[in-house]
């Protein structure tokens, strides 16, 4: 079970000091620079968060710490699911801040280009099985958009999208319940990844879900039951 803790570089300093994250997992403890800092007297050691009472601006710092914690845990879980442990470099990259210029430039990049980047990122990390499953989900999403002429974008992942996409996966794509559920999970993972990078403000996507279909029940007549009962067995 992985866990994240935050410690100050110089707890007794009288000026802002860097905040380091420590990810503990599988007998290891990795130190990760967060690029965040705080005046030590404003740090709540037990809570490992910034004091907000009387210091409302520290709420944003706590949001940044919560995001860093989630990013580190997501990085660990993604690697662990592939039977691997994340390297220090991978963990540091997971919490590296994105320059404002890069965020602005990303706005001109299409949904599909971001989707490809998401898949390639996993491939570059050596998570080939994960990359393959992500690519499969992306392919079904593209085929749905083309076949149904649906303008898939960050802000069009809605309730209506969910109904149309799952109807397509059941019908033309002929996929099983289990496969449909996995594809929706990967769509939500992509949206979460994109949201963490400021690419959208969609709040509906976590509600995408799939309920397993009840199998058809066939009722036999008395004659059919009698016929089955009298069939010679080998």
C-alpha atoms as a PDB file:
ATOM      1  CA  UNK A   1       0.000   0.000   0.000  1.00  0.00           C
ATOM      2  CA  UNK A   2       1.539   3.282  -1.091  1.00  0.00           C
ATOM      3  CA  UNK A   3       1.311   6.437   1.010  1.00  0.00           C
ATOM      4  CA  UNK A   4       2.467  10.026   0.636  1.00  0.00           C
ATOM      5  CA  UNK A   5       3.821  12.332   3.328  1.00  0.00           C
ATOM      6  CA  UNK A   6       5.079  15.909   3.153  1.00  0.00           C
ATOM      7  CA  UNK A   7       8.039  17.338   5.061  1.00  0.00           C
ATOM      8  CA  UNK A   8       9.727  20.727   5.105  1.00  0.00           C
ATOM      9  CA  UNK A   9      13.349  21.031   4.052  1.00  0.00           C
ATOM     10  CA  UNK A  10      14.143  23.432   6.903  1.00  0.00           C
ATOM     11  CA  UNK A  11      11.405  23.269   9.563  1.00  0.00           C
ATOM     12  CA  UNK A  12      13.095  25.910  11.729  1.00  0.00           C
ATOM     13  CA  UNK A  13      13.684  28.464   8.970  1.00  0.00           C
ATOM     14  CA  UNK A  14      12.359  32.010   9.280  1.00  0.00           C
ATOM     15  CA  UNK A  15      11.742  32.300   5.550  1.00  0.00           C
ATOM     16  CA  UNK A  16       9.829  30.100   3.073  1.00  0.00           C
ATOM     17  CA  UNK A  17      11.339  26.633   2.761  1.00  0.00           C
ATOM     18  CA  UNK A  18      10.716  23.917   0.126  1.00  0.00           C
ATOM     19  CA  UNK A  19       8.124  21.204   0.720  1.00  0.00           C
ATOM     20  CA  UNK A  20       9.230  17.682  -0.209  1.00  0.00           C
ATOM     21  CA  UNK A  21       6.925  14.742  -0.838  1.00  0.00           C
ATOM     22  CA  UNK A  22       7.908  11.245   0.246  1.00  0.00           C
ATOM     23  CA  UNK A  23       6.232   8.277  -1.418  1.00  0.00           C
ATOM     24  CA  UNK A  24       6.484   5.062   0.598  1.00  0.00           C
ATOM     25  CA  UNK A  25       5.816   1.817  -1.282  1.00  0.00           C
ATOM     26  CA  UNK A  26       7.020  -1.798  -1.345  1.00  0.00           C
ATOM     27  CA  UNK A  27       9.732  -1.194   1.237  1.00  0.00           C
ATOM     28  CA  UNK A  28      10.995   1.943  -0.509  1.00  0.00           C
ATOM     29  CA  UNK A  29      10.754   5.633   0.337  1.00  0.00           C
ATOM     30  CA  UNK A  30      11.362   8.076  -2.503  1.00  0.00           C
ATOM     31  CA  UNK A  31      11.903  11.799  -2.006  1.00  0.00           C
ATOM     32  CA  UNK A  32      10.245  14.025  -4.620  1.00  0.00           C
ATOM     33  CA  UNK A  33      10.646  17.782  -5.035  1.00  0.00           C
ATOM     34  CA  UNK A  34       7.247  19.458  -5.339  1.00  0.00           C
ATOM     35  CA  UNK A  35       8.395  23.001  -6.290  1.00  0.00           C
ATOM     36  CA  UNK A  36       6.141  24.244  -3.463  1.00  0.00           C
ATOM     37  CA  UNK A  37       7.326  26.182  -0.420  1.00  0.00           C
ATOM     38  CA  UNK A  38       5.913  27.665   2.782  1.00  0.00           C
ATOM     39  CA  UNK A  39       6.887  29.734   5.784  1.00  0.00           C
ATOM     40  CA  UNK A  40       7.480  27.046   8.471  1.00  0.00           C
ATOM     41  CA  UNK A  41       5.376  28.816  11.115  1.00  0.00           C
ATOM     42  CA  UNK A  42       2.368  28.408   8.800  1.00  0.00           C
ATOM     43  CA  UNK A  43       2.880  24.642   8.478  1.00  0.00           C
ATOM     44  CA  UNK A  44       0.676  22.211  10.429  1.00  0.00           C
ATOM     45  CA  UNK A  45       3.024  19.293  11.030  1.00  0.00           C
ATOM     46  CA  UNK A  46       0.399  16.781  12.168  1.00  0.00           C
ATOM     47  CA  UNK A  47      -1.926  17.474   9.230  1.00  0.00           C
ATOM     48  CA  UNK A  48       0.978  17.959   6.791  1.00  0.00           C
ATOM     49  CA  UNK A  49      -0.883  20.895   5.328  1.00  0.00           C
ATOM     50  CA  UNK A  50      -0.699  24.684   5.406  1.00  0.00           C
ATOM     51  CA  UNK A  51      -2.619  26.619   8.031  1.00  0.00           C
ATOM     52  CA  UNK A  52      -5.628  28.317   6.454  1.00  0.00           C
ATOM     53  CA  UNK A  53      -7.199  29.994   9.468  1.00  0.00           C
ATOM     54  CA  UNK A  54      -6.432  33.655   8.989  1.00  0.00           C
ATOM     55  CA  UNK A  55      -4.386  32.744   5.898  1.00  0.00           C
ATOM     56  CA  UNK A  56      -6.946  32.064   3.149  1.00  0.00           C
ATOM     57  CA  UNK A  57      -4.341  32.109   0.370  1.00  0.00           C
ATOM     58  CA  UNK A  58      -2.872  28.913   1.816  1.00  0.00           C
ATOM     59  CA  UNK A  59      -5.963  27.066   0.642  1.00  0.00           C
ATOM     60  CA  UNK A  60      -4.534  27.071  -2.863  1.00  0.00           C
ATOM     61  CA  UNK A  61      -1.275  25.630  -1.535  1.00  0.00           C
ATOM     62  CA  UNK A  62      -3.204  22.808   0.112  1.00  0.00           C
ATOM     63  CA  UNK A  63      -4.989  22.154  -3.187  1.00  0.00           C
ATOM     64  CA  UNK A  64      -1.584  21.879  -4.874  1.00  0.00           C
ATOM     65  CA  UNK A  65      -0.395  19.431  -2.198  1.00  0.00           C
ATOM     66  CA  UNK A  66      -3.522  17.304  -2.624  1.00  0.00           C
ATOM     67  CA  UNK A  67      -2.965  17.234  -6.386  1.00  0.00           C
ATOM     68  CA  UNK A  68       0.690  16.233  -5.944  1.00  0.00           C
ATOM     69  CA  UNK A  69      -0.352  13.413  -3.601  1.00  0.00           C
ATOM     70  CA  UNK A  70      -2.896  12.117  -6.114  1.00  0.00           C
ATOM     71  CA  UNK A  71      -0.421  12.356  -9.000  1.00  0.00           C
ATOM     72  CA  UNK A  72       2.182  10.331  -7.099  1.00  0.00           C
ATOM     73  CA  UNK A  73      -0.327   7.652  -6.101  1.00  0.00           C
ATOM     74  CA  UNK A  74      -1.681   7.452  -9.658  1.00  0.00           C
ATOM     75  CA  UNK A  75       1.863   7.042 -10.997  1.00  0.00           C
ATOM     76  CA  UNK A  76       2.566   4.238  -8.509  1.00  0.00           C
ATOM     77  CA  UNK A  77      -0.712   2.413  -9.202  1.00  0.00           C
ATOM     78  CA  UNK A  78      -0.268   2.606 -12.960  1.00  0.00           C
ATOM     79  CA  UNK A  79       3.204   1.051 -12.751  1.00  0.00           C
ATOM     80  CA  UNK A  80       2.202  -1.509 -10.105  1.00  0.00           C
ATOM     81  CA  UNK A  81      -0.691  -2.705 -12.269  1.00  0.00           C
ATOM     82  CA  UNK A  82       1.937  -3.712 -14.838  1.00  0.00           C
ATOM     83  CA  UNK A  83       4.057  -5.539 -12.269  1.00  0.00           C
ATOM     84  CA  UNK A  84       6.571  -2.687 -12.138  1.00  0.00           C
ATOM     85  CA  UNK A  85       7.706  -0.105  -9.613  1.00  0.00           C
ATOM     86  CA  UNK A  86       7.977   3.546 -10.653  1.00  0.00           C
ATOM     87  CA  UNK A  87      11.441   5.044 -10.964  1.00  0.00           C
ATOM     88  CA  UNK A  88      12.397   8.208  -9.137  1.00  0.00           C
ATOM     89  CA  UNK A  89      12.436   9.984 -12.505  1.00  0.00           C
ATOM     90  CA  UNK A  90       8.876   8.859 -13.297  1.00  0.00           C
ATOM     91  CA  UNK A  91       7.631  10.073  -9.910  1.00  0.00           C
ATOM     92  CA  UNK A  92       9.315  13.437 -10.307  1.00  0.00           C
ATOM     93  CA  UNK A  93       7.846  13.821 -13.789  1.00  0.00           C
ATOM     94  CA  UNK A  94       4.379  13.013 -12.428  1.00  0.00           C
ATOM     95  CA  UNK A  95       4.371  16.119 -10.211  1.00  0.00           C
ATOM     96  CA  UNK A  96       6.348  18.441 -12.469  1.00  0.00           C
ATOM     97  CA  UNK A  97       4.352  21.668 -12.940  1.00  0.00           C
ATOM     98  CA  UNK A  98       3.201  22.512 -16.445  1.00  0.00           C
ATOM     99  CA  UNK A  99       4.290  25.988 -17.649  1.00  0.00           C
ATOM    100  CA  UNK A 100       1.434  28.431 -18.275  1.00  0.00           C
ATOM    101  CA  UNK A 101       2.642  28.846 -21.853  1.00  0.00           C
ATOM    102  CA  UNK A 102       2.299  25.112 -22.387  1.00  0.00           C
ATOM    103  CA  UNK A 103      -1.252  25.140 -21.015  1.00  0.00           C
ATOM    104  CA  UNK A 104      -2.165  27.996 -23.358  1.00  0.00           C
ATOM    105  CA  UNK A 105      -0.610  26.189 -26.318  1.00  0.00           C
ATOM    106  CA  UNK A 106      -2.492  23.021 -25.373  1.00  0.00           C
ATOM    107  CA  UNK A 107      -5.769  24.843 -25.944  1.00  0.00           C
ATOM    108  CA  UNK A 108      -5.041  24.811 -29.674  1.00  0.00           C
ATOM    109  CA  UNK A 109      -4.408  21.058 -29.640  1.00  0.00           C
ATOM    110  CA  UNK A 110      -7.387  18.890 -30.496  1.00  0.00           C
ATOM    111  CA  UNK A 111      -9.073  16.347 -28.246  1.00  0.00           C
ATOM    112  CA  UNK A 112      -7.734  13.535 -30.418  1.00  0.00           C
ATOM    113  CA  UNK A 113      -4.162  14.809 -30.249  1.00  0.00           C
ATOM    114  CA  UNK A 114      -4.354  14.869 -26.463  1.00  0.00           C
ATOM    115  CA  UNK A 115      -5.784  11.344 -26.556  1.00  0.00           C
ATOM    116  CA  UNK A 116      -2.822  10.183 -28.648  1.00  0.00           C
ATOM    117  CA  UNK A 117      -0.425  11.930 -26.263  1.00  0.00           C
ATOM    118  CA  UNK A 118      -2.009  10.096 -23.331  1.00  0.00           C
ATOM    119  CA  UNK A 119      -1.450   6.737 -25.020  1.00  0.00           C
ATOM    120  CA  UNK A 120       2.105   7.596 -26.099  1.00  0.00           C
ATOM    121  CA  UNK A 121       2.979   8.751 -22.602  1.00  0.00           C
ATOM    122  CA  UNK A 122       2.278   5.275 -21.242  1.00  0.00           C
ATOM    123  CA  UNK A 123       4.256   3.702 -24.068  1.00  0.00           C
ATOM    124  CA  UNK A 124       7.212   5.990 -23.344  1.00  0.00           C
ATOM    125  CA  UNK A 125       7.067   4.972 -19.677  1.00  0.00           C
ATOM    126  CA  UNK A 126       7.485   1.351 -20.737  1.00  0.00           C
ATOM    127  CA  UNK A 127       3.919   0.452 -19.742  1.00  0.00           C
ATOM    128  CA  UNK A 128       3.234  -1.355 -22.995  1.00  0.00           C
ATOM    129  CA  UNK A 129       0.236  -3.381 -21.836  1.00  0.00           C
ATOM    130  CA  UNK A 130      -1.416  -0.265 -20.446  1.00  0.00           C
ATOM    131  CA  UNK A 131      -0.649   1.622 -23.660  1.00  0.00           C
ATOM    132  CA  UNK A 132      -2.267  -1.159 -25.711  1.00  0.00           C
ATOM    133  CA  UNK A 133      -5.470  -1.115 -23.663  1.00  0.00           C
ATOM    134  CA  UNK A 134      -5.601   2.682 -23.840  1.00  0.00           C
ATOM    135  CA  UNK A 135      -5.075   2.563 -27.613  1.00  0.00           C
ATOM    136  CA  UNK A 136      -7.934   0.066 -27.954  1.00  0.00           C
ATOM    137  CA  UNK A 137     -10.295   2.348 -26.036  1.00  0.00           C
ATOM    138  CA  UNK A 138      -9.163   5.303 -28.177  1.00  0.00           C
ATOM    139  CA  UNK A 139      -9.819   3.309 -31.364  1.00  0.00           C
ATOM    140  CA  UNK A 140     -13.384   2.484 -30.314  1.00  0.00           C
ATOM    141  CA  UNK A 141     -13.970   6.135 -29.426  1.00  0.00           C
ATOM    142  CA  UNK A 142     -12.734   7.258 -32.853  1.00  0.00           C
ATOM    143  CA  UNK A 143     -14.806   4.664 -34.668  1.00  0.00           C
ATOM    144  CA  UNK A 144     -17.894   5.735 -32.716  1.00  0.00           C
ATOM    145  CA  UNK A 145     -17.314   9.410 -33.584  1.00  0.00           C
ATOM    146  CA  UNK A 146     -16.961   8.571 -37.270  1.00  0.00           C
ATOM    147  CA  UNK A 147     -19.836   6.094 -37.486  1.00  0.00           C
ATOM    148  CA  UNK A 148     -22.310   8.178 -35.481  1.00  0.00           C
ATOM    149  CA  UNK A 149     -21.002  11.580 -36.613  1.00  0.00           C
ATOM    150  CA  UNK A 150     -20.682  12.636 -32.986  1.00  0.00           C
ATOM    151  CA  UNK A 151     -18.376  15.561 -32.238  1.00  0.00           C
ATOM    152  CA  UNK A 152     -16.365  14.041 -29.397  1.00  0.00           C
ATOM    153  CA  UNK A 153     -14.613  16.701 -27.351  1.00  0.00           C
ATOM    154  CA  UNK A 154     -13.907  17.442 -23.711  1.00  0.00           C
ATOM    155  CA  UNK A 155     -17.181  19.322 -23.264  1.00  0.00           C
ATOM    156  CA  UNK A 156     -19.328  16.799 -25.170  1.00  0.00           C
ATOM    157  CA  UNK A 157     -18.665  13.909 -22.766  1.00  0.00           C
ATOM    158  CA  UNK A 158     -22.200  14.130 -21.382  1.00  0.00           C
ATOM    159  CA  UNK A 159     -25.109  11.896 -20.386  1.00  0.00           C
ATOM    160  CA  UNK A 160     -26.227  11.867 -24.015  1.00  0.00           C
ATOM    161  CA  UNK A 161     -22.718  10.848 -25.093  1.00  0.00           C
ATOM    162  CA  UNK A 162     -22.760   7.983 -22.593  1.00  0.00           C
ATOM    163  CA  UNK A 163     -26.041   6.633 -23.937  1.00  0.00           C
ATOM    164  CA  UNK A 164     -24.995   6.904 -27.584  1.00  0.00           C
ATOM    165  CA  UNK A 165     -21.487   5.525 -27.048  1.00  0.00           C
ATOM    166  CA  UNK A 166     -22.641   2.472 -25.079  1.00  0.00           C
ATOM    167  CA  UNK A 167     -25.421   1.820 -27.612  1.00  0.00           C
ATOM    168  CA  UNK A 168     -22.758   1.805 -30.322  1.00  0.00           C
ATOM    169  CA  UNK A 169     -20.492  -0.518 -28.324  1.00  0.00           C
ATOM    170  CA  UNK A 170     -23.376  -2.949 -27.743  1.00  0.00           C
ATOM    171  CA  UNK A 171     -24.664  -2.828 -31.308  1.00  0.00           C
ATOM    172  CA  UNK A 172     -22.286  -2.169 -34.205  1.00  0.00           C
ATOM    173  CA  UNK A 173     -19.152  -2.934 -32.176  1.00  0.00           C
ATOM    174  CA  UNK A 174     -20.635  -6.148 -30.673  1.00  0.00           C
ATOM    175  CA  UNK A 175     -18.690  -5.857 -27.413  1.00  0.00           C
ATOM    176  CA  UNK A 176     -19.309  -7.699 -24.150  1.00  0.00           C
ATOM    177  CA  UNK A 177     -20.419  -6.076 -20.903  1.00  0.00           C
ATOM    178  CA  UNK A 178     -16.958  -6.511 -19.415  1.00  0.00           C
ATOM    179  CA  UNK A 179     -15.240  -4.868 -22.387  1.00  0.00           C
ATOM    180  CA  UNK A 180     -17.687  -1.946 -22.423  1.00  0.00           C
ATOM    181  CA  UNK A 181     -17.094  -1.339 -18.722  1.00  0.00           C
ATOM    182  CA  UNK A 182     -13.321  -1.319 -19.252  1.00  0.00           C
ATOM    183  CA  UNK A 183     -13.558   1.118 -22.174  1.00  0.00           C
ATOM    184  CA  UNK A 184     -15.642   3.558 -20.117  1.00  0.00           C
ATOM    185  CA  UNK A 185     -13.130   3.280 -17.280  1.00  0.00           C
ATOM    186  CA  UNK A 186     -10.318   4.230 -19.654  1.00  0.00           C
ATOM    187  CA  UNK A 187     -12.287   7.157 -21.061  1.00  0.00           C
ATOM    188  CA  UNK A 188     -12.697   8.405 -17.486  1.00  0.00           C
ATOM    189  CA  UNK A 189      -8.977   7.920 -16.803  1.00  0.00           C
ATOM    190  CA  UNK A 190      -8.152  10.010 -19.858  1.00  0.00           C
ATOM    191  CA  UNK A 191     -10.570  12.745 -18.820  1.00  0.00           C
ATOM    192  CA  UNK A 192      -9.046  12.765 -15.332  1.00  0.00           C
ATOM    193  CA  UNK A 193      -5.540  13.018 -16.827  1.00  0.00           C
ATOM    194  CA  UNK A 194      -6.656  15.875 -19.082  1.00  0.00           C
ATOM    195  CA  UNK A 195      -8.467  17.645 -16.261  1.00  0.00           C
ATOM    196  CA  UNK A 196      -5.339  17.600 -14.098  1.00  0.00           C
ATOM    197  CA  UNK A 197      -3.610  19.493 -16.915  1.00  0.00           C
ATOM    198  CA  UNK A 198      -6.270  22.164 -17.088  1.00  0.00           C
ATOM    199  CA  UNK A 199      -7.595  21.007 -20.463  1.00  0.00           C
ATOM    200  CA  UNK A 200     -11.260  20.975 -19.434  1.00  0.00           C
ATOM    201  CA  UNK A 201     -13.719  21.653 -16.622  1.00  0.00           C
ATOM    202  CA  UNK A 202     -16.104  18.790 -17.389  1.00  0.00           C
ATOM    203  CA  UNK A 203     -17.681  17.475 -14.182  1.00  0.00           C
ATOM    204  CA  UNK A 204     -20.003  14.876 -15.718  1.00  0.00           C
ATOM    205  CA  UNK A 205     -17.458  12.323 -16.950  1.00  0.00           C
ATOM    206  CA  UNK A 206     -17.008  10.512 -13.570  1.00  0.00           C
ATOM    207  CA  UNK A 207     -20.678   9.479 -13.871  1.00  0.00           C
ATOM    208  CA  UNK A 208     -20.056   7.417 -17.015  1.00  0.00           C
ATOM    209  CA  UNK A 209     -20.980   3.878 -16.111  1.00  0.00           C
ATOM    210  CA  UNK A 210     -22.274   0.630 -17.524  1.00  0.00           C
ATOM    211  CA  UNK A 211     -24.751  -1.768 -15.928  1.00  0.00           C
ATOM    212  CA  UNK A 212     -24.430  -5.376 -16.962  1.00  0.00           C
ATOM    213  CA  UNK A 213     -27.258  -6.668 -19.121  1.00  0.00           C
ATOM    214  CA  UNK A 214     -29.521  -9.335 -17.700  1.00  0.00           C
ATOM    215  CA  UNK A 215     -29.321 -12.536 -19.773  1.00  0.00           C
ATOM    216  CA  UNK A 216     -32.386 -13.492 -21.787  1.00  0.00           C
ATOM    217  CA  UNK A 217     -34.468 -16.167 -20.067  1.00  0.00           C
ATOM    218  CA  UNK A 218     -35.892 -18.832 -22.363  1.00  0.00           C
ATOM    219  CA  UNK A 219     -39.056 -20.605 -21.213  1.00  0.00           C
ATOM    220  CA  UNK A 220     -39.626 -24.130 -22.526  1.00  0.00           C
ATOM    221  CA  UNK A 221     -43.007 -25.733 -23.104  1.00  0.00           C
ATOM    222  CA  UNK A 222     -43.988 -29.003 -21.450  1.00  0.00           C
ATOM    223  CA  UNK A 223     -43.457 -30.861 -24.757  1.00  0.00           C
ATOM    224  CA  UNK A 224     -39.975 -29.377 -25.139  1.00  0.00           C
ATOM    225  CA  UNK A 225     -39.053 -30.352 -21.586  1.00  0.00           C
ATOM    226  CA  UNK A 226     -40.329 -33.894 -22.182  1.00  0.00           C
ATOM    227  CA  UNK A 227     -38.319 -34.080 -25.412  1.00  0.00           C
ATOM    228  CA  UNK A 228     -35.150 -33.009 -23.613  1.00  0.00           C
ATOM    229  CA  UNK A 229     -35.754 -35.499 -20.830  1.00  0.00           C
ATOM    230  CA  UNK A 230     -36.088 -38.382 -23.286  1.00  0.00           C
ATOM    231  CA  UNK A 231     -33.025 -37.560 -25.376  1.00  0.00           C
ATOM    232  CA  UNK A 232     -30.593 -40.492 -25.406  1.00  0.00           C
ATOM    233  CA  UNK A 233     -27.354 -39.681 -23.626  1.00  0.00           C
ATOM    234  CA  UNK A 234     -24.028 -40.822 -25.121  1.00  0.00           C
END
